[in-house]
């Protein structure tokens, strides 16, 4: 069973509408909250294995048109970089390239924004990997 979906309402060539951005932002906020509250123990390999599939998803979220989604994705990534994730070295270059691209883009607009600070924190953590 597949529901009929009107083209352009929930999907389209632009990567989703406002609802998709809201859901993505909300989901990333939940993940960030769980990371900050220590719900994923670094001593438990099962918990860390649950976080590893989020790395490529964070790269996609960092390509979003919504600034709040990009900022939250960077904060989640910053929180995850302190954990011993086995998949991190495989994704480090893509994450670094995307973060540097965001830094270059944001330097043209607001050099002292909060986004720049989070980007710099992510870049320094990725360079340590």
Foldseek 3Di string as FASTA:
>chain_A
DDDDDDEPPADYPQGGDPVVLVVLLVVLVVLLVCLVVCVQPLVDPVSLVVCLVCLVVLLVQCVDPDPSSNQSSLSSLLSNLVHPRPCCVVRLVSVLVSLVVVQVVCCVPDNPDPSNVSSVSNNVSSVVD
